Amino acid sequence: MSTIADTGNIVDLLKRLRDDTTVLVREEVALAKVEVTEKASKLSRNVGYLAAGALVGYSGLVLMLMGLGFLLSQLFQDQGMRDGTAAFLGFLIVGGIIAVISVGLVMKAINALKAQSLKPEQTIETLQEDKQWAQNKIR
């Protein structure tokens, strides 16, 4: 048989469970915010480095490719080709090679960005543990 004292203890236990659960949820939300903020910060910083490096590299690459185009043009002229045709063919060959390399680099970058997750992995794991803990307490 249940007494009034037992009922009071159950009410106290339920209140403590409610309070503990509230605190736990707040802490988990705070952890999720911190984790997402850290991941977003790292991602944006790395994208910034990528953009800056790409711009600097692009400038050097343009100059080198122009030099290669002119070199091929000169080689074609030495073989007896007319100036306009030699220049066109030299730059066309260089442009084609660069287009193939560009597609490969873009695909690699897209795959790397897709692999990076902003999902708060640690928070999800602790929430699952908390859920299991709460289910065990209720049983």
Protein backbone atom coordinates (compact mmCIF):
# COMPACT_ATOMS: atom_id res chain seq x y z
CA MET A 1 0.00 0.00 0.00
CA SER A 2 1.13 3.45 -0.80
CA THR A 3 1.24 6.15 1.84
CA ILE A 4 1.33 9.92 1.71
CA ALA A 5 5.10 9.86 2.39
CA ASP A 6 5.63 7.60 -0.66
CA THR A 7 3.62 9.99 -2.82
CA GLY A 8 5.73 12.92 -1.60
CA ASN A 9 8.94 11.07 -2.48
CA ILE A 10 7.66 10.26 -5.96
CA VAL A 11 6.66 13.89 -6.51
CA ASP A 12 10.10 15.05 -5.33
CA LEU A 13 11.77 12.52 -7.61
CA LEU A 14 9.69 13.64 -10.59
CA LYS A 15 10.51 17.30 -9.86
CA ARG A 16 14.22 16.49 -9.64
CA LEU A 17 14.01 14.50 -12.85
CA ARG A 18 12.28 17.43 -14.57
CA ASP A 19 14.85 19.92 -13.26
CA ASP A 20 17.79 17.69 -14.17
CA THR A 21 16.36 17.10 -17.63
CA THR A 22 15.89 20.84 -18.17
CA VAL A 23 19.47 21.56 -17.14
CA LEU A 24 20.73 18.71 -19.32
CA VAL A 25 18.84 19.95 -22.39
CA ARG A 26 20.15 23.48 -21.88
CA GLU A 27 23.71 22.21 -21.57
CA GLU A 28 23.32 20.07 -24.71
CA VAL A 29 21.97 23.05 -26.67
CA ALA A 30 24.91 25.17 -25.50
CA LEU A 31 27.33 22.41 -26.53
CA ALA A 32 25.69 22.16 -29.95
CA LYS A 33 25.99 25.93 -30.46
CA VAL A 34 29.68 25.91 -29.53
CA GLU A 35 30.42 22.94 -31.76
CA VAL A 36 28.61 24.35 -34.80
CA THR A 37 30.25 27.76 -34.30
CA GLU A 38 33.72 26.18 -34.15
CA LYS A 39 33.13 24.11 -37.28
CA ALA A 40 31.69 27.05 -39.21
CA SER A 41 34.62 29.24 -38.17
CA LYS A 42 37.18 26.67 -39.34
CA LEU A 43 35.31 26.15 -42.60
CA SER A 44 35.07 29.86 -43.39
CA ARG A 45 38.74 30.44 -42.53
CA ASN A 46 39.83 27.57 -44.79
CA VAL A 47 37.62 28.78 -47.63
CA GLY A 48 39.24 32.21 -47.25
CA TYR A 49 42.72 30.67 -47.49
CA LEU A 50 41.59 28.70 -50.52
CA ALA A 51 40.30 31.84 -52.26
CA ALA A 52 43.43 33.88 -51.50
CA GLY A 53 45.73 31.09 -52.64
CA ALA A 54 43.70 30.59 -55.79
CA LEU A 55 43.88 34.29 -56.70
CA VAL A 56 47.64 34.50 -56.22
CA GLY A 57 48.20 31.22 -58.05
CA TYR A 58 45.90 32.32 -60.85
CA SER A 59 48.03 35.40 -61.54
CA GLY A 60 51.20 33.36 -61.85
CA LEU A 61 49.47 30.68 -63.86
CA VAL A 62 48.13 33.16 -66.41
CA LEU A 63 51.62 34.51 -67.05
CA MET A 64 53.13 31.05 -67.37
CA LEU A 65 50.38 29.90 -69.72
CA MET A 66 50.80 32.94 -71.92
CA GLY A 67 54.50 32.18 -72.13
CA LEU A 68 53.77 28.56 -73.04
CA GLY A 69 51.26 29.68 -75.68
CA PHE A 70 53.82 32.00 -77.23
CA LEU A 71 56.46 29.26 -77.10
CA LEU A 72 54.19 26.81 -78.94
CA SER A 73 53.31 29.56 -81.41
CA GLN A 74 57.00 30.15 -82.10
CA LEU A 75 57.61 26.40 -82.56
CA PHE A 76 54.77 26.24 -85.10
CA GLN A 77 56.12 29.31 -86.91
CA ASP A 78 59.56 27.68 -87.09
CA GLN A 79 57.90 24.73 -88.82
CA GLY A 80 56.58 27.05 -91.52
CA MET A 81 53.08 27.83 -90.21
CA ARG A 82 51.67 31.34 -90.69
CA ASP A 83 51.83 33.66 -87.65
CA GLY A 84 48.08 33.89 -86.98
CA THR A 85 47.48 30.17 -87.35
CA ALA A 86 50.51 29.32 -85.20
CA ALA A 87 49.37 31.64 -82.40
CA PHE A 88 45.81 30.33 -82.54
CA LEU A 89 46.92 26.70 -82.43
CA GLY A 90 49.48 27.33 -79.65
CA PHE A 91 46.95 29.00 -77.37
CA LEU A 92 44.25 26.46 -78.26
CA ILE A 93 46.47 23.56 -77.16
CA VAL A 94 47.40 25.30 -73.90
CA GLY A 95 43.74 26.18 -73.23
CA GLY A 96 42.61 22.60 -73.80
CA ILE A 97 45.20 21.17 -71.40
CA ILE A 98 44.26 23.73 -68.75
CA ALA A 99 40.55 23.00 -69.17
CA VAL A 100 41.14 19.30 -68.45
CA ILE A 101 43.26 20.08 -65.38
CA SER A 102 40.66 22.58 -64.17
CA VAL A 103 37.84 20.05 -64.31
CA GLY A 104 39.90 17.64 -62.21
CA LEU A 105 40.71 20.26 -59.57
CA VAL A 106 37.12 21.50 -59.33
CA MET A 107 35.81 17.96 -58.90
CA LYS A 108 38.37 17.28 -56.16
CA ALA A 109 37.38 20.46 -54.30
CA ILE A 110 33.66 19.70 -54.57
CA ASN A 111 34.17 16.18 -53.19
CA ALA A 112 36.30 17.52 -50.31
CA LEU A 113 33.67 20.13 -49.38
CA LYS A 114 30.88 17.53 -49.54
CA ALA A 115 32.84 15.28 -47.16
CA GLN A 116 33.07 18.01 -44.51
CA SER A 117 30.12 17.96 -42.15
CA LEU A 118 28.73 20.80 -40.07
CA LYS A 119 26.63 18.35 -38.07
CA PRO A 120 27.44 18.56 -34.32
CA GLU A 121 28.65 14.96 -33.98
CA GLN A 122 29.59 15.16 -30.28
CA THR A 123 26.29 16.73 -29.31
CA ILE A 124 24.30 14.07 -31.16
CA GLU A 125 26.31 11.36 -29.42
CA THR A 126 25.77 12.84 -25.96
CA LEU A 127 22.06 13.37 -26.66
CA GLN A 128 21.75 9.69 -27.55
CA GLU A 129 23.56 8.78 -24.33
CA ASP A 130 21.27 11.11 -22.37
CA LYS A 131 18.22 9.55 -23.96
CA GLN A 132 19.43 6.11 -22.98
CA TRP A 133 20.18 7.34 -19.45
CA ALA A 134 16.69 8.86 -19.12
CA GLN A 135 15.04 5.67 -20.41
CA ASN A 136 16.97 3.62 -17.86
CA LYS A 137 15.92 5.99 -15.04
CA ILE A 138 12.25 5.76 -15.98
CA ARG A 139 12.22 1.95 -16.03
